Amino acid sequence: MDITHDIIKACMRDDRKAINLMYEYGFKMLMPICFRYNKNEEDARASFNAGFIKILNGLEKVDEDLNFNAWAKRIMVNSLIDEYRKNKKYNTQITKSDSESELDYYSAGSSNDAVSNLGVENITALINELPKVTGEVFNLYVIDGYAHKEIAEMLEMSEGTSKWHLSTARKMLRDKLDELENNNQRMVI
């Protein structure tokens, strides 16, 4: 099922059936995004509800030529970023700095046999173990495709800090995957 322009018009008229239909559709499509940015289900649901309200309030901007799914995902990601900004004072500040050569080294891609044995849930769990800001930068860069400049503006940090968080996330994930691979090899022997 897709959200049609008729459903959007009905939602703008405050048709409760249409709003419920859009909510259920959006829940399936957008909750995975909310889980990427929140460490527990309660926070993810709260984030989804806040983003859904923004989607409903912005429906007048949707015309027939607009891809609703892409538009709704963008609204949800922006809502999650807004939420981050509101809660920024509660996030920990990172004071460690790596040299540029370390950042370049850890920003390079890697392959690992443990990855092929992991499911989406396990990878998501590994990402959720990252510190809050580091996980957000990783999600924005790797999964949502934002550039460091955009991430820096959204999260109100420097580009270097964004790169540092990405580098740190990759280091931490690489270490966790290496540990998983070593554990799997021990079990085989």
C-alpha atoms as a PDB file:
ATOM      1  CA  MET A   1       0.000   0.000   0.000  1.00  0.00           C
ATOM      2  CA  ASP A   2       1.134   3.550  -0.739  1.00  0.00           C
ATOM      3  CA  ILE A   3      -0.101   6.889   0.500  1.00  0.00           C
ATOM      4  CA  THR A   4      -2.115   8.391  -2.340  1.00  0.00           C
ATOM      5  CA  HIS A   5      -2.881  12.042  -2.881  1.00  0.00           C
ATOM      6  CA  ASP A   6      -6.527  11.275  -1.935  1.00  0.00           C
ATOM      7  CA  ILE A   7      -5.382   9.993   1.459  1.00  0.00           C
ATOM      8  CA  ILE A   8      -3.254  13.114   1.935  1.00  0.00           C
ATOM      9  CA  LYS A   9      -6.242  15.355   1.102  1.00  0.00           C
ATOM     10  CA  ALA A  10      -8.420  13.380   3.539  1.00  0.00           C
ATOM     11  CA  CYS A  11      -5.801  13.827   6.268  1.00  0.00           C
ATOM     12  CA  MET A  12      -5.774  17.578   5.622  1.00  0.00           C
ATOM     13  CA  ARG A  13      -9.573  17.543   6.135  1.00  0.00           C
ATOM     14  CA  ASP A  14      -8.966  15.854   9.519  1.00  0.00           C
ATOM     15  CA  ASP A  15     -10.465  12.515   8.406  1.00  0.00           C
ATOM     16  CA  ARG A  16      -9.589  10.214  11.325  1.00  0.00           C
ATOM     17  CA  LYS A  17      -9.634   7.045   9.198  1.00  0.00           C
ATOM     18  CA  ALA A  18      -7.146   8.542   6.746  1.00  0.00           C
ATOM     19  CA  ILE A  19      -4.931   9.806   9.568  1.00  0.00           C
ATOM     20  CA  ASN A  20      -4.983   6.366  11.184  1.00  0.00           C
ATOM     21  CA  LEU A  21      -4.110   4.767   7.835  1.00  0.00           C
ATOM     22  CA  MET A  22      -1.217   7.206   7.355  1.00  0.00           C
ATOM     23  CA  TYR A  23      -0.055   6.596  10.935  1.00  0.00           C
ATOM     24  CA  GLU A  24       0.051   2.819  10.442  1.00  0.00           C
ATOM     25  CA  TYR A  25       1.828   3.174   7.103  1.00  0.00           C
ATOM     26  CA  GLY A  26       4.286   5.697   8.530  1.00  0.00           C
ATOM     27  CA  PHE A  27       4.913   3.544  11.592  1.00  0.00           C
ATOM     28  CA  LYS A  28       6.103   0.641   9.444  1.00  0.00           C
ATOM     29  CA  MET A  29       8.198   2.881   7.213  1.00  0.00           C
ATOM     30  CA  LEU A  30       9.649   5.360   9.729  1.00  0.00           C
ATOM     31  CA  MET A  31      10.075   3.471  13.011  1.00  0.00           C
ATOM     32  CA  PRO A  32      13.309   1.820  11.801  1.00  0.00           C
ATOM     33  CA  ILE A  33      14.733   5.332  11.335  1.00  0.00           C
ATOM     34  CA  CYS A  34      13.627   6.278  14.860  1.00  0.00           C
ATOM     35  CA  PHE A  35      15.258   3.135  16.274  1.00  0.00           C
ATOM     36  CA  ARG A  36      18.545   4.093  14.619  1.00  0.00           C
ATOM     37  CA  TYR A  37      18.591   7.348  16.559  1.00  0.00           C
ATOM     38  CA  ASN A  38      17.188   6.111  19.871  1.00  0.00           C
ATOM     39  CA  LYS A  39      18.456   3.379  22.132  1.00  0.00           C
ATOM     40  CA  ASN A  40      15.101   2.139  23.407  1.00  0.00           C
ATOM     41  CA  GLU A  41      11.594   1.581  22.102  1.00  0.00           C
ATOM     42  CA  GLU A  42       9.931   4.188  24.291  1.00  0.00           C
ATOM     43  CA  ASP A  43      12.195   6.984  23.025  1.00  0.00           C
ATOM     44  CA  ALA A  44      11.845   5.743  19.443  1.00  0.00           C
ATOM     45  CA  ARG A  45       8.039   5.842  19.714  1.00  0.00           C
ATOM     46  CA  ALA A  46       8.124   9.329  21.224  1.00  0.00           C
ATOM     47  CA  SER A  47      10.387  10.490  18.403  1.00  0.00           C
ATOM     48  CA  PHE A  48       8.097   8.892  15.831  1.00  0.00           C
ATOM     49  CA  ASN A  49       5.027  10.623  17.282  1.00  0.00           C
ATOM     50  CA  ALA A  50       6.760  14.022  17.292  1.00  0.00           C
ATOM     51  CA  GLY A  51       7.889  13.516  13.694  1.00  0.00           C
ATOM     52  CA  PHE A  52       4.450  12.281  12.626  1.00  0.00           C
ATOM     53  CA  ILE A  53       2.861  15.477  13.944  1.00  0.00           C
ATOM     54  CA  LYS A  54       5.327  17.463  11.797  1.00  0.00           C
ATOM     55  CA  ILE A  55       4.406  15.310   8.790  1.00  0.00           C
ATOM     56  CA  LEU A  56       0.685  15.941   9.357  1.00  0.00           C
ATOM     57  CA  ASN A  57       1.267  19.675   9.792  1.00  0.00           C
ATOM     58  CA  GLY A  58       3.277  19.815   6.560  1.00  0.00           C
ATOM     59  CA  LEU A  59       0.864  17.935   4.298  1.00  0.00           C
ATOM     60  CA  GLU A  60      -0.249  21.111   2.527  1.00  0.00           C
ATOM     61  CA  LYS A  61       3.247  21.267   1.005  1.00  0.00           C
ATOM     62  CA  VAL A  62       2.832  17.858  -0.656  1.00  0.00           C
ATOM     63  CA  ASP A  63       1.722  17.958  -4.281  1.00  0.00           C
ATOM     64  CA  GLU A  64       0.975  15.085  -6.649  1.00  0.00           C
ATOM     65  CA  ASP A  65       4.499  15.109  -8.131  1.00  0.00           C
ATOM     66  CA  LEU A  66       6.249  14.762  -4.765  1.00  0.00           C
ATOM     67  CA  ASN A  67       7.472  11.366  -3.584  1.00  0.00           C
ATOM     68  CA  PHE A  68       5.644  11.082  -0.250  1.00  0.00           C
ATOM     69  CA  ASN A  69       7.935   8.383   1.165  1.00  0.00           C
ATOM     70  CA  ALA A  70      11.131  10.360   0.537  1.00  0.00           C
ATOM     71  CA  TRP A  71       9.520  13.548   1.842  1.00  0.00           C
ATOM     72  CA  ALA A  72       8.257  11.836   5.026  1.00  0.00           C
ATOM     73  CA  LYS A  73      11.677  10.251   5.681  1.00  0.00           C
ATOM     74  CA  ARG A  74      13.347  13.654   5.326  1.00  0.00           C
ATOM     75  CA  ILE A  75      10.839  15.225   7.731  1.00  0.00           C
ATOM     76  CA  MET A  76      11.442  12.412  10.248  1.00  0.00           C
ATOM     77  CA  VAL A  77      15.251  12.701  10.072  1.00  0.00           C
ATOM     78  CA  ASN A  78      15.001  16.484  10.470  1.00  0.00           C
ATOM     79  CA  SER A  79      12.673  15.985  13.439  1.00  0.00           C
ATOM     80  CA  LEU A  80      15.191  13.617  15.037  1.00  0.00           C
ATOM     81  CA  ILE A  81      17.939  16.190  14.487  1.00  0.00           C
ATOM     82  CA  ASP A  82      15.765  18.900  16.055  1.00  0.00           C
ATOM     83  CA  GLU A  83      15.226  16.604  19.034  1.00  0.00           C
ATOM     84  CA  TYR A  84      18.975  16.105  19.314  1.00  0.00           C
ATOM     85  CA  ARG A  85      19.543  19.871  19.325  1.00  0.00           C
ATOM     86  CA  LYS A  86      16.974  20.347  22.097  1.00  0.00           C
ATOM     87  CA  ASN A  87      18.693  17.705  24.206  1.00  0.00           C
ATOM     88  CA  LYS A  88      22.226  18.741  23.302  1.00  0.00           C
ATOM     89  CA  LYS A  89      23.032  20.112  26.738  1.00  0.00           C
ATOM     90  CA  TYR A  90      22.505  16.616  28.165  1.00  0.00           C
ATOM     91  CA  ASN A  91      24.853  14.932  25.727  1.00  0.00           C
ATOM     92  CA  THR A  92      28.402  14.360  26.797  1.00  0.00           C
ATOM     93  CA  GLN A  93      31.122  16.489  25.344  1.00  0.00           C
ATOM     94  CA  ILE A  94      34.058  14.692  23.760  1.00  0.00           C
ATOM     95  CA  THR A  95      37.407  16.340  24.371  1.00  0.00           C
ATOM     96  CA  LYS A  96      39.732  13.790  22.818  1.00  0.00           C
ATOM     97  CA  SER A  97      41.195  14.645  19.449  1.00  0.00           C
ATOM     98  CA  ASP A  98      42.911  12.363  16.978  1.00  0.00           C
ATOM     99  CA  SER A  99      45.506  13.396  14.480  1.00  0.00           C
ATOM    100  CA  GLU A 100      44.446  13.782  10.855  1.00  0.00           C
ATOM    101  CA  SER A 101      46.405  10.657   9.875  1.00  0.00           C
ATOM    102  CA  GLU A 102      44.497   8.589  12.458  1.00  0.00           C
ATOM    103  CA  LEU A 103      41.202  10.000  11.199  1.00  0.00           C
ATOM    104  CA  ASP A 104      42.116   9.109   7.619  1.00  0.00           C
ATOM    105  CA  TYR A 105      43.225   5.602   8.606  1.00  0.00           C
ATOM    106  CA  TYR A 106      40.071   4.788  10.558  1.00  0.00           C
ATOM    107  CA  SER A 107      37.799   6.426   7.997  1.00  0.00           C
ATOM    108  CA  ALA A 108      38.944   3.940   5.341  1.00  0.00           C
ATOM    109  CA  GLY A 109      36.631   1.025   4.648  1.00  0.00           C
ATOM    110  CA  SER A 110      37.238  -2.452   5.974  1.00  0.00           C
ATOM    111  CA  SER A 111      35.905  -5.918   5.445  1.00  0.00           C
ATOM    112  CA  ASN A 112      35.228  -8.446   8.121  1.00  0.00           C
ATOM    113  CA  ASP A 113      33.840 -11.990   7.972  1.00  0.00           C
ATOM    114  CA  ALA A 114      31.867 -11.390  11.146  1.00  0.00           C
ATOM    115  CA  VAL A 115      29.694  -8.881   9.286  1.00  0.00           C
ATOM    116  CA  SER A 116      28.404 -11.553   6.931  1.00  0.00           C
ATOM    117  CA  ASN A 117      27.239 -13.610   9.917  1.00  0.00           C
ATOM    118  CA  LEU A 118      25.315 -10.743  11.526  1.00  0.00           C
ATOM    119  CA  GLY A 119      21.694  -9.882  10.945  1.00  0.00           C
ATOM    120  CA  VAL A 120      20.237  -6.388  10.771  1.00  0.00           C
ATOM    121  CA  GLU A 121      19.122  -6.580  14.402  1.00  0.00           C
ATOM    122  CA  ASN A 122      22.629  -7.439  15.573  1.00  0.00           C
ATOM    123  CA  ILE A 123      24.216  -4.648  13.552  1.00  0.00           C
ATOM    124  CA  THR A 124      21.622  -2.201  14.883  1.00  0.00           C
ATOM    125  CA  ALA A 125      22.397  -3.396  18.408  1.00  0.00           C
ATOM    126  CA  LEU A 126      26.119  -2.771  17.836  1.00  0.00           C
ATOM    127  CA  ILE A 127      25.380   0.750  16.563  1.00  0.00           C
ATOM    128  CA  ASN A 128      23.125   1.392  19.584  1.00  0.00           C
ATOM    129  CA  GLU A 129      26.074   0.578  21.874  1.00  0.00           C
ATOM    130  CA  LEU A 130      27.939   3.609  20.496  1.00  0.00           C
ATOM    131  CA  PRO A 131      27.884   6.837  22.524  1.00  0.00           C
ATOM    132  CA  LYS A 132      24.841   8.968  21.616  1.00  0.00           C
ATOM    133  CA  VAL A 133      26.531  11.674  19.516  1.00  0.00           C
ATOM    134  CA  THR A 134      28.923   9.216  17.866  1.00  0.00           C
ATOM    135  CA  GLY A 135      25.998   6.981  16.885  1.00  0.00           C
ATOM    136  CA  GLU A 136      24.050   9.940  15.507  1.00  0.00           C
ATOM    137  CA  VAL A 137      26.973  11.062  13.343  1.00  0.00           C
ATOM    138  CA  PHE A 138      27.471   7.469  12.130  1.00  0.00           C
ATOM    139  CA  ASN A 139      23.778   7.154  11.200  1.00  0.00           C
ATOM    140  CA  LEU A 140      23.685  10.517   9.444  1.00  0.00           C
ATOM    141  CA  TYR A 141      26.864   9.864   7.449  1.00  0.00           C
ATOM    142  CA  VAL A 142      26.738   6.145   6.673  1.00  0.00           C
ATOM    143  CA  ILE A 143      23.037   5.368   6.597  1.00  0.00           C
ATOM    144  CA  ASP A 144      21.363   8.664   5.673  1.00  0.00           C
ATOM    145  CA  GLY A 145      24.145   9.864   3.358  1.00  0.00           C
ATOM    146  CA  TYR A 146      24.786  13.337   4.737  1.00  0.00           C
ATOM    147  CA  ALA A 147      28.182  15.011   4.205  1.00  0.00           C
ATOM    148  CA  HIS A 148      30.320  16.065   7.180  1.00  0.00           C
ATOM    149  CA  LYS A 149      29.590  19.720   6.440  1.00  0.00           C
ATOM    150  CA  GLU A 150      25.832  19.070   6.623  1.00  0.00           C
ATOM    151  CA  ILE A 151      26.190  16.990   9.791  1.00  0.00           C
ATOM    152  CA  ALA A 152      28.300  19.714  11.392  1.00  0.00           C
ATOM    153  CA  GLU A 153      25.618  22.313  10.663  1.00  0.00           C
ATOM    154  CA  MET A 154      22.756  20.060  11.822  1.00  0.00           C
ATOM    155  CA  LEU A 155      24.412  19.002  15.070  1.00  0.00           C
ATOM    156  CA  GLU A 156      26.115  22.364  15.670  1.00  0.00           C
ATOM    157  CA  MET A 157      29.693  21.074  15.714  1.00  0.00           C
ATOM    158  CA  SER A 158      32.753  21.506  13.536  1.00  0.00           C
ATOM    159  CA  GLU A 159      33.418  19.317  10.504  1.00  0.00           C
ATOM    160  CA  GLY A 160      36.489  17.965  12.283  1.00  0.00           C
ATOM    161  CA  THR A 161      34.361  16.894  15.243  1.00  0.00           C
ATOM    162  CA  SER A 162      31.957  15.161  12.872  1.00  0.00           C
ATOM    163  CA  LYS A 163      34.863  13.329  11.252  1.00  0.00           C
ATOM    164  CA  TRP A 164      36.205  12.415  14.671  1.00  0.00           C
ATOM    165  CA  HIS A 165      32.854  10.919  15.714  1.00  0.00           C
ATOM    166  CA  LEU A 166      32.677   8.907  12.474  1.00  0.00           C
ATOM    167  CA  SER A 167      36.235   7.700  12.960  1.00  0.00           C
ATOM    168  CA  THR A 168      35.497   6.752  16.563  1.00  0.00           C
ATOM    169  CA  ALA A 169      32.322   4.912  15.551  1.00  0.00           C
ATOM    170  CA  ARG A 170      34.189   2.935  12.915  1.00  0.00           C
ATOM    171  CA  LYS A 171      36.989   2.086  15.359  1.00  0.00           C
ATOM    172  CA  MET A 172      34.510   0.924  17.981  1.00  0.00           C
ATOM    173  CA  LEU A 173      32.472  -1.101  15.503  1.00  0.00           C
ATOM    174  CA  ARG A 174      35.598  -2.619  13.973  1.00  0.00           C
ATOM    175  CA  ASP A 175      36.807  -3.671  17.439  1.00  0.00           C
ATOM    176  CA  LYS A 176      33.420  -5.207  18.265  1.00  0.00           C
ATOM    177  CA  LEU A 177      33.322  -7.063  14.936  1.00  0.00           C
ATOM    178  CA  ASP A 178      36.887  -8.324  15.407  1.00  0.00           C
ATOM    179  CA  GLU A 179      35.912  -9.552  18.845  1.00  0.00           C
ATOM    180  CA  LEU A 180      32.873 -11.350  17.392  1.00  0.00           C
ATOM    181  CA  GLU A 181      35.021 -12.907  14.675  1.00  0.00           C
ATOM    182  CA  ASN A 182      37.601 -14.101  17.228  1.00  0.00           C
ATOM    183  CA  ASN A 183      34.836 -15.610  19.356  1.00  0.00           C
ATOM    184  CA  ASN A 184      33.407 -17.392  16.302  1.00  0.00           C
ATOM    185  CA  GLN A 185      36.841 -18.799  15.375  1.00  0.00           C
ATOM    186  CA  ARG A 186      37.349 -20.110  18.910  1.00  0.00           C
ATOM    187  CA  MET A 187      33.994 -21.857  18.735  1.00  0.00           C
ATOM    188  CA  VAL A 188      34.974 -23.571  15.449  1.00  0.00           C
ATOM    189  CA  ILE A 189      38.276 -24.880  16.851  1.00  0.00           C
END
